[in-house]
Amino acid sequence: MLTKSEEEIMYLLWDLDEPLTSSEIVKKAVNKTWKKSYINLLINSLLKKDMIKVVGVKQMTKNYARTFVPTMTKDAYAIKQISDRPNFADSDIPTLFSELIEKTESSAVFDELEALLKKRREELGK
């Protein structure tokens, strides 16, 4: 699980959808007064948790800084939060699935879900 500050960094990276340096994260995080040492701790923690990865470097004034992107989507993270709960079992999936499909009225979404289920059944049958 992520801390509140780690989650805020992740949502910033997801929403902006571009590689950012730690100093850019600090600048773009509205209503935050993270210090350089604290942001570096958060970045290192997210790297250890495999939530972000380094994708390059960017020149920042005289120095170069690493740029970071998320390693998973916002949706994958939401699913991870649910599936990582203690006592989560495959038997919980139909209830979750039911809750999700109740929220859509798009026939195209149901077609896509049917195709995904068919594909997964085939993969499990091999």
C-alpha atoms as a PDB file:
ATOM      1  CA  MET A   1       0.000   0.000   0.000  1.00  0.00           C
ATOM      2  CA  LEU A   2       1.052   3.550  -0.629  1.00  0.00           C
ATOM      3  CA  THR A   3       1.170   6.409   1.829  1.00  0.00           C
ATOM      4  CA  LYS A   4      -1.013   9.451   1.191  1.00  0.00           C
ATOM      5  CA  SER A   5       1.946  11.446  -0.138  1.00  0.00           C
ATOM      6  CA  GLU A   6       3.055   8.587  -2.393  1.00  0.00           C
ATOM      7  CA  GLU A   7      -0.477   8.324  -3.766  1.00  0.00           C
ATOM      8  CA  GLU A   8      -0.531  12.065  -4.446  1.00  0.00           C
ATOM      9  CA  ILE A   9       2.643  11.725  -6.501  1.00  0.00           C
ATOM     10  CA  MET A  10       1.169   8.805  -8.410  1.00  0.00           C
ATOM     11  CA  TYR A  11      -2.044  10.680  -9.213  1.00  0.00           C
ATOM     12  CA  LEU A  12       0.019  13.638 -10.395  1.00  0.00           C
ATOM     13  CA  LEU A  13       2.031  11.386 -12.708  1.00  0.00           C
ATOM     14  CA  TRP A  14      -1.122   9.656 -13.978  1.00  0.00           C
ATOM     15  CA  ASP A  15      -2.977  12.909 -14.564  1.00  0.00           C
ATOM     16  CA  LEU A  16      -0.119  14.725 -16.306  1.00  0.00           C
ATOM     17  CA  ASP A  17       0.880  11.617 -18.285  1.00  0.00           C
ATOM     18  CA  GLU A  18       4.448  12.757 -18.949  1.00  0.00           C
ATOM     19  CA  PRO A  19       7.844  11.943 -17.447  1.00  0.00           C
ATOM     20  CA  LEU A  20       8.645  14.285 -14.547  1.00  0.00           C
ATOM     21  CA  THR A  21      11.703  15.009 -12.449  1.00  0.00           C
ATOM     22  CA  SER A  22      11.410  15.236  -8.677  1.00  0.00           C
ATOM     23  CA  SER A  23      11.656  19.041  -8.815  1.00  0.00           C
ATOM     24  CA  GLU A  24       8.890  19.164 -11.450  1.00  0.00           C
ATOM     25  CA  ILE A  25       6.730  17.006  -9.192  1.00  0.00           C
ATOM     26  CA  VAL A  26       7.250  19.493  -6.360  1.00  0.00           C
ATOM     27  CA  LYS A  27       6.388  22.447  -8.637  1.00  0.00           C
ATOM     28  CA  LYS A  28       3.269  20.811 -10.078  1.00  0.00           C
ATOM     29  CA  ALA A  29       1.928  19.506  -6.771  1.00  0.00           C
ATOM     30  CA  VAL A  30      -0.474  22.262  -5.809  1.00  0.00           C
ATOM     31  CA  ASN A  31      -0.948  22.990  -2.117  1.00  0.00           C
ATOM     32  CA  LYS A  32       2.140  20.951  -1.216  1.00  0.00           C
ATOM     33  CA  THR A  33       5.298  22.197   0.416  1.00  0.00           C
ATOM     34  CA  TRP A  34       7.408  19.073   0.071  1.00  0.00           C
ATOM     35  CA  LYS A  35      11.065  19.623   0.787  1.00  0.00           C
ATOM     36  CA  LYS A  36      13.744  18.224  -1.514  1.00  0.00           C
ATOM     37  CA  SER A  37      14.834  15.607   1.030  1.00  0.00           C
ATOM     38  CA  TYR A  38      11.232  14.440   1.567  1.00  0.00           C
ATOM     39  CA  ILE A  39      10.435  14.190  -2.146  1.00  0.00           C
ATOM     40  CA  ASN A  40      13.610  12.144  -2.628  1.00  0.00           C
ATOM     41  CA  LEU A  41      12.471   9.751   0.120  1.00  0.00           C
ATOM     42  CA  LEU A  42       9.064   9.440  -1.547  1.00  0.00           C
ATOM     43  CA  ILE A  43      10.601   8.840  -4.977  1.00  0.00           C
ATOM     44  CA  ASN A  44      12.961   6.179  -3.595  1.00  0.00           C
ATOM     45  CA  SER A  45      10.070   4.495  -1.815  1.00  0.00           C
ATOM     46  CA  LEU A  46       7.977   4.451  -5.005  1.00  0.00           C
ATOM     47  CA  LEU A  47      10.940   3.019  -6.913  1.00  0.00           C
ATOM     48  CA  LYS A  48      11.345   0.236  -4.301  1.00  0.00           C
ATOM     49  CA  LYS A  49       7.622  -0.524  -4.503  1.00  0.00           C
ATOM     50  CA  ASP A  50       7.911  -0.743  -8.321  1.00  0.00           C
ATOM     51  CA  MET A  51       5.271   1.950  -8.726  1.00  0.00           C
ATOM     52  CA  ILE A  52       7.489   4.215 -10.837  1.00  0.00           C
ATOM     53  CA  LYS A  53      10.521   3.762 -13.032  1.00  0.00           C
ATOM     54  CA  VAL A  54      13.263   5.964 -14.417  1.00  0.00           C
ATOM     55  CA  VAL A  55      12.780   6.651 -18.126  1.00  0.00           C
ATOM     56  CA  GLY A  56      15.470   9.194 -18.812  1.00  0.00           C
ATOM     57  CA  VAL A  57      17.255  12.306 -17.692  1.00  0.00           C
ATOM     58  CA  LYS A  58      16.526  15.963 -18.253  1.00  0.00           C
ATOM     59  CA  GLN A  59      18.814  18.927 -17.924  1.00  0.00           C
ATOM     60  CA  MET A  60      17.647  21.181 -15.115  1.00  0.00           C
ATOM     61  CA  THR A  61      19.726  24.374 -15.030  1.00  0.00           C
ATOM     62  CA  LYS A  62      23.306  23.120 -14.476  1.00  0.00           C
ATOM     63  CA  ASN A  63      22.429  19.596 -13.369  1.00  0.00           C
ATOM     64  CA  TYR A  64      20.733  16.573 -14.840  1.00  0.00           C
ATOM     65  CA  ALA A  65      17.769  14.927 -13.157  1.00  0.00           C
ATOM     66  CA  ARG A  66      16.098  11.565 -13.617  1.00  0.00           C
ATOM     67  CA  THR A  67      12.577  11.531 -15.037  1.00  0.00           C
ATOM     68  CA  PHE A  68       9.936   9.153 -13.713  1.00  0.00           C
ATOM     69  CA  VAL A  69       6.734   7.556 -15.005  1.00  0.00           C
ATOM     70  CA  PRO A  70       4.265   5.151 -13.383  1.00  0.00           C
ATOM     71  CA  THR A  71       4.751   1.429 -13.963  1.00  0.00           C
ATOM     72  CA  MET A  72       1.007   0.755 -13.851  1.00  0.00           C
ATOM     73  CA  THR A  73      -2.178   2.560 -14.782  1.00  0.00           C
ATOM     74  CA  LYS A  74      -4.511   4.190 -12.310  1.00  0.00           C
ATOM     75  CA  ASP A  75      -7.041   1.409 -12.967  1.00  0.00           C
ATOM     76  CA  ALA A  76      -4.466  -1.331 -12.377  1.00  0.00           C
ATOM     77  CA  TYR A  77      -3.566   0.333  -9.086  1.00  0.00           C
ATOM     78  CA  ALA A  78      -7.229   0.409  -8.030  1.00  0.00           C
ATOM     79  CA  ILE A  79      -7.514  -3.314  -8.759  1.00  0.00           C
ATOM     80  CA  LYS A  80      -4.240  -3.968  -6.908  1.00  0.00           C
ATOM     81  CA  GLN A  81      -5.613  -2.193  -3.835  1.00  0.00           C
ATOM     82  CA  ILE A  82      -8.617  -4.513  -3.841  1.00  0.00           C
ATOM     83  CA  SER A  83      -6.815  -7.738  -4.702  1.00  0.00           C
ATOM     84  CA  ASP A  84      -4.023  -7.138  -2.167  1.00  0.00           C
ATOM     85  CA  ARG A  85      -6.477  -7.007   0.724  1.00  0.00           C
ATOM     86  CA  PRO A  86      -6.129  -9.784   3.266  1.00  0.00           C
ATOM     87  CA  ASN A  87      -8.538 -12.662   2.610  1.00  0.00           C
ATOM     88  CA  PHE A  88      -9.199 -11.581  -0.991  1.00  0.00           C
ATOM     89  CA  ALA A  89     -10.181 -14.649  -3.023  1.00  0.00           C
ATOM     90  CA  ASP A  90     -11.229 -15.481  -6.567  1.00  0.00           C
ATOM     91  CA  SER A  91     -14.738 -15.928  -5.197  1.00  0.00           C
ATOM     92  CA  ASP A  92     -14.852 -12.141  -4.579  1.00  0.00           C
ATOM     93  CA  ILE A  93     -14.397 -11.354  -8.271  1.00  0.00           C
ATOM     94  CA  PRO A  94     -18.013 -11.979  -9.417  1.00  0.00           C
ATOM     95  CA  THR A  95     -19.333  -9.522  -6.825  1.00  0.00           C
ATOM     96  CA  LEU A  96     -16.795  -6.868  -7.855  1.00  0.00           C
ATOM     97  CA  PHE A  97     -17.524  -7.524 -11.514  1.00  0.00           C
ATOM     98  CA  SER A  98     -21.250  -7.217 -10.861  1.00  0.00           C
ATOM     99  CA  GLU A  99     -20.768  -3.863  -9.129  1.00  0.00           C
ATOM    100  CA  LEU A 100     -18.748  -2.574 -12.072  1.00  0.00           C
ATOM    101  CA  ILE A 101     -21.156  -3.670 -14.798  1.00  0.00           C
ATOM    102  CA  GLU A 102     -24.060  -2.080 -12.942  1.00  0.00           C
ATOM    103  CA  LYS A 103     -22.376   1.273 -13.594  1.00  0.00           C
ATOM    104  CA  THR A 104     -22.450   1.041 -17.399  1.00  0.00           C
ATOM    105  CA  GLU A 105     -25.180   1.215 -20.002  1.00  0.00           C
ATOM    106  CA  SER A 106     -22.873   0.927 -22.988  1.00  0.00           C
ATOM    107  CA  SER A 107     -23.437  -2.057 -25.232  1.00  0.00           C
ATOM    108  CA  ALA A 108     -19.910  -1.632 -26.596  1.00  0.00           C
ATOM    109  CA  VAL A 109     -18.479  -2.092 -23.100  1.00  0.00           C
ATOM    110  CA  PHE A 110     -20.399  -5.360 -22.715  1.00  0.00           C
ATOM    111  CA  ASP A 111     -19.099  -6.552 -26.103  1.00  0.00           C
ATOM    112  CA  GLU A 112     -15.553  -5.790 -24.995  1.00  0.00           C
ATOM    113  CA  LEU A 113     -16.076  -7.599 -21.693  1.00  0.00           C
ATOM    114  CA  GLU A 114     -17.441 -10.660 -23.468  1.00  0.00           C
ATOM    115  CA  ALA A 115     -14.401 -10.713 -25.760  1.00  0.00           C
ATOM    116  CA  LEU A 116     -12.049 -10.397 -22.772  1.00  0.00           C
ATOM    117  CA  LEU A 117     -13.801 -13.221 -20.921  1.00  0.00           C
ATOM    118  CA  LYS A 118     -13.696 -15.452 -24.005  1.00  0.00           C
ATOM    119  CA  LYS A 119      -9.988 -14.759 -24.514  1.00  0.00           C
ATOM    120  CA  ARG A 120      -9.178 -15.492 -20.862  1.00  0.00           C
ATOM    121  CA  ARG A 121     -11.199 -18.739 -20.937  1.00  0.00           C
ATOM    122  CA  GLU A 122      -9.208 -19.838 -23.980  1.00  0.00           C
ATOM    123  CA  GLU A 123      -5.923 -18.984 -22.244  1.00  0.00           C
ATOM    124  CA  LEU A 124      -6.911 -21.022 -19.211  1.00  0.00           C
ATOM    125  CA  GLY A 125      -7.942 -23.968 -21.412  1.00  0.00           C
ATOM    126  CA  LYS A 126      -4.498 -24.243 -23.011  1.00  0.00           C
END
